[in-house]
Amino acid sequence: MVELGEKYLGLREFDVDTKIGDAFDYLIKYQSSAINHFDLIIADLYNGDKYPEKFETSAFLSKINTFVSDGGMVIFNRLYFGDNRPKAVKFGRKLENFFKKADWVYPEANLMFLCHK
């Protein structure tokens, strides 16, 4: 994802603070503070065709919401084919309870949720 952002969005030209690693561990390790607010978080969290359940919990969604600056956005990427469709829809409905606005975007076999704080 970072390489795509650098290649197609020119992220190297901007002052972008990129964190790569396990999102769950990062949120637990660093408590939300003024220095830990981000304007954009891209949560590309599935592994193969699996989306780990820990990233669907209310605790995780509440925590990630505290790291987003006011007016910021979290983008969640989910697979959206076969058995993944109902799971993605259920997850999207859950996101609508945690964010001011959640737009649903359908590129190819994925479903992306653009969640605004």
C-alpha atoms as a PDB file:
ATOM      1  CA  MET A   1       0.000   0.000   0.000  1.00  0.00           C
ATOM      2  CA  VAL A   2       2.781   2.429   0.863  1.00  0.00           C
ATOM      3  CA  GLU A   3       4.566   1.731  -2.411  1.00  0.00           C
ATOM      4  CA  LEU A   4       1.340   2.348  -4.336  1.00  0.00           C
ATOM      5  CA  GLY A   5       0.798   5.617  -2.481  1.00  0.00           C
ATOM      6  CA  GLU A   6       4.320   6.726  -3.238  1.00  0.00           C
ATOM      7  CA  LYS A   7       4.077   5.709  -6.887  1.00  0.00           C
ATOM      8  CA  TYR A   8       0.592   6.974  -7.765  1.00  0.00           C
ATOM      9  CA  LEU A   9      -0.111   9.670  -5.174  1.00  0.00           C
ATOM     10  CA  GLY A  10       3.344  11.205  -4.906  1.00  0.00           C
ATOM     11  CA  LEU A  11       3.522  10.710  -1.135  1.00  0.00           C
ATOM     12  CA  ARG A  12       7.301  11.179  -1.130  1.00  0.00           C
ATOM     13  CA  GLU A  13       6.747  14.811  -2.106  1.00  0.00           C
ATOM     14  CA  PHE A  14       4.755  15.518   1.065  1.00  0.00           C
ATOM     15  CA  ASP A  15       5.621  15.381   4.743  1.00  0.00           C
ATOM     16  CA  VAL A  16       3.915  12.019   5.289  1.00  0.00           C
ATOM     17  CA  ASP A  17       4.468  10.074   8.507  1.00  0.00           C
ATOM     18  CA  THR A  18       4.009   6.421   7.527  1.00  0.00           C
ATOM     19  CA  LYS A  19       3.622   3.636  10.077  1.00  0.00           C
ATOM     20  CA  ILE A  20       3.905   0.045   8.891  1.00  0.00           C
ATOM     21  CA  GLY A  21       3.072  -2.831  11.189  1.00  0.00           C
ATOM     22  CA  ASP A  22       0.284  -4.535  13.053  1.00  0.00           C
ATOM     23  CA  ALA A  23      -2.419  -1.905  13.546  1.00  0.00           C
ATOM     24  CA  PHE A  24      -3.813  -3.608  16.633  1.00  0.00           C
ATOM     25  CA  ASP A  25      -0.414  -3.675  18.361  1.00  0.00           C
ATOM     26  CA  TYR A  26       0.280  -0.061  17.381  1.00  0.00           C
ATOM     27  CA  LEU A  27      -2.986   1.190  18.844  1.00  0.00           C
ATOM     28  CA  ILE A  28      -2.411  -0.704  22.078  1.00  0.00           C
ATOM     29  CA  LYS A  29       1.213   0.437  22.408  1.00  0.00           C
ATOM     30  CA  TYR A  30       0.614   4.125  21.704  1.00  0.00           C
ATOM     31  CA  GLN A  31      -2.205   5.861  23.481  1.00  0.00           C
ATOM     32  CA  SER A  32      -3.930   8.623  21.561  1.00  0.00           C
ATOM     33  CA  SER A  33      -2.375  12.021  22.231  1.00  0.00           C
ATOM     34  CA  ALA A  34      -1.824  15.240  20.354  1.00  0.00           C
ATOM     35  CA  ILE A  35       1.244  13.791  18.645  1.00  0.00           C
ATOM     36  CA  ASN A  36      -0.537  10.572  17.670  1.00  0.00           C
ATOM     37  CA  HIS A  37      -3.371  12.046  15.621  1.00  0.00           C
ATOM     38  CA  PHE A  38      -3.417  11.280  11.923  1.00  0.00           C
ATOM     39  CA  ASP A  39      -5.356  12.935   9.108  1.00  0.00           C
ATOM     40  CA  LEU A  40      -5.558   9.654   7.192  1.00  0.00           C
ATOM     41  CA  ILE A  41      -5.310   6.045   8.301  1.00  0.00           C
ATOM     42  CA  ILE A  42      -5.441   3.313   5.665  1.00  0.00           C
ATOM     43  CA  ALA A  43      -6.456   0.041   7.293  1.00  0.00           C
ATOM     44  CA  ASP A  44      -5.613  -2.640   4.735  1.00  0.00           C
ATOM     45  CA  LEU A  45      -5.942  -5.422   7.271  1.00  0.00           C
ATOM     46  CA  TYR A  46      -6.786  -8.677   5.588  1.00  0.00           C
ATOM     47  CA  ASN A  47      -4.326 -11.530   5.290  1.00  0.00           C
ATOM     48  CA  GLY A  48      -4.888 -13.480   2.083  1.00  0.00           C
ATOM     49  CA  ASP A  49      -8.664 -13.897   1.963  1.00  0.00           C
ATOM     50  CA  LYS A  50      -9.083 -13.613   5.757  1.00  0.00           C
ATOM     51  CA  TYR A  51      -9.883 -10.510   7.788  1.00  0.00           C
ATOM     52  CA  PRO A  52      -8.721 -11.081  11.387  1.00  0.00           C
ATOM     53  CA  GLU A  53     -11.637 -10.802  13.817  1.00  0.00           C
ATOM     54  CA  LYS A  54      -9.677  -8.600  16.231  1.00  0.00           C
ATOM     55  CA  PHE A  55      -9.990  -5.769  13.684  1.00  0.00           C
ATOM     56  CA  GLU A  56     -13.786  -6.011  13.716  1.00  0.00           C
ATOM     57  CA  THR A  57     -14.172  -5.546  17.476  1.00  0.00           C
ATOM     58  CA  SER A  58     -15.796  -2.491  18.992  1.00  0.00           C
ATOM     59  CA  ALA A  59     -12.653  -1.995  21.091  1.00  0.00           C
ATOM     60  CA  PHE A  60     -10.443  -1.749  17.986  1.00  0.00           C
ATOM     61  CA  LEU A  61     -12.837   0.565  16.129  1.00  0.00           C
ATOM     62  CA  SER A  62     -13.167   2.867  19.144  1.00  0.00           C
ATOM     63  CA  LYS A  63      -9.402   2.943  19.552  1.00  0.00           C
ATOM     64  CA  ILE A  64      -8.630   3.684  15.895  1.00  0.00           C
ATOM     65  CA  ASN A  65     -11.219   6.465  15.969  1.00  0.00           C
ATOM     66  CA  THR A  66      -9.268   8.200  18.761  1.00  0.00           C
ATOM     67  CA  PHE A  67      -6.169   8.329  16.539  1.00  0.00           C
ATOM     68  CA  VAL A  68      -7.923  10.181  13.705  1.00  0.00           C
ATOM     69  CA  SER A  69      -7.766  13.963  13.781  1.00  0.00           C
ATOM     70  CA  ASP A  70     -11.024  15.907  13.628  1.00  0.00           C
ATOM     71  CA  GLY A  71     -12.030  16.027   9.979  1.00  0.00           C
ATOM     72  CA  GLY A  72      -9.696  13.090   9.257  1.00  0.00           C
ATOM     73  CA  MET A  73     -10.505   9.787   7.607  1.00  0.00           C
ATOM     74  CA  VAL A  74      -9.939   6.064   8.039  1.00  0.00           C
ATOM     75  CA  ILE A  75     -10.118   3.895   4.929  1.00  0.00           C
ATOM     76  CA  PHE A  76     -10.891   0.224   5.539  1.00  0.00           C
ATOM     77  CA  ASN A  77     -10.317  -2.201   2.671  1.00  0.00           C
ATOM     78  CA  ARG A  78     -12.353  -5.427   2.618  1.00  0.00           C
ATOM     79  CA  LEU A  79     -12.675  -8.282   0.168  1.00  0.00           C
ATOM     80  CA  TYR A  80     -16.095  -8.296  -1.485  1.00  0.00           C
ATOM     81  CA  PHE A  81     -16.723 -11.542  -3.336  1.00  0.00           C
ATOM     82  CA  GLY A  82     -18.242 -14.911  -2.479  1.00  0.00           C
ATOM     83  CA  ASP A  83     -18.572 -15.575   1.249  1.00  0.00           C
ATOM     84  CA  ASN A  84     -16.839 -12.273   2.011  1.00  0.00           C
ATOM     85  CA  ARG A  85     -19.775 -10.139   0.835  1.00  0.00           C
ATOM     86  CA  PRO A  86     -22.095 -10.513   3.849  1.00  0.00           C
ATOM     87  CA  LYS A  87     -19.147 -10.098   6.238  1.00  0.00           C
ATOM     88  CA  ALA A  88     -18.090  -6.875   4.514  1.00  0.00           C
ATOM     89  CA  VAL A  89     -21.641  -5.490   4.609  1.00  0.00           C
ATOM     90  CA  LYS A  90     -21.988  -6.338   8.305  1.00  0.00           C
ATOM     91  CA  PHE A  91     -18.658  -4.619   8.985  1.00  0.00           C
ATOM     92  CA  GLY A  92     -19.761  -1.527   7.042  1.00  0.00           C
ATOM     93  CA  ARG A  93     -22.929  -1.228   9.096  1.00  0.00           C
ATOM     94  CA  LYS A  94     -20.847  -1.468  12.247  1.00  0.00           C
ATOM     95  CA  LEU A  95     -18.533   1.300  11.009  1.00  0.00           C
ATOM     96  CA  GLU A  96     -21.541   3.583  10.580  1.00  0.00           C
ATOM     97  CA  ASN A  97     -21.950   3.466  14.370  1.00  0.00           C
ATOM     98  CA  PHE A  98     -18.369   4.571  15.034  1.00  0.00           C
ATOM     99  CA  PHE A  99     -17.837   7.360  12.513  1.00  0.00           C
ATOM    100  CA  LYS A 100     -19.722  10.508  11.564  1.00  0.00           C
ATOM    101  CA  LYS A 101     -19.966   9.311   7.968  1.00  0.00           C
ATOM    102  CA  ALA A 102     -19.008   6.088   6.179  1.00  0.00           C
ATOM    103  CA  ASP A 103     -18.996   6.067   2.368  1.00  0.00           C
ATOM    104  CA  TRP A 104     -19.019   2.673   0.632  1.00  0.00           C
ATOM    105  CA  VAL A 105     -16.878   2.377  -2.530  1.00  0.00           C
ATOM    106  CA  TYR A 106     -16.857  -0.777  -4.676  1.00  0.00           C
ATOM    107  CA  PRO A 107     -13.625  -1.174  -6.697  1.00  0.00           C
ATOM    108  CA  GLU A 108     -13.519  -4.591  -8.438  1.00  0.00           C
ATOM    109  CA  ALA A 109     -13.637  -7.453  -5.871  1.00  0.00           C
ATOM    110  CA  ASN A 110     -13.164  -5.221  -2.835  1.00  0.00           C
ATOM    111  CA  LEU A 111     -15.311  -2.928  -0.758  1.00  0.00           C
ATOM    112  CA  MET A 112     -13.673   0.160   0.691  1.00  0.00           C
ATOM    113  CA  PHE A 113     -15.187   2.154   3.527  1.00  0.00           C
ATOM    114  CA  LEU A 114     -14.187   5.829   3.673  1.00  0.00           C
ATOM    115  CA  CYS A 115     -14.950   6.751   7.285  1.00  0.00           C
ATOM    116  CA  HIS A 116     -14.979  10.428   8.258  1.00  0.00           C
ATOM    117  CA  LYS A 117     -14.523  11.764  11.757  1.00  0.00           C
END
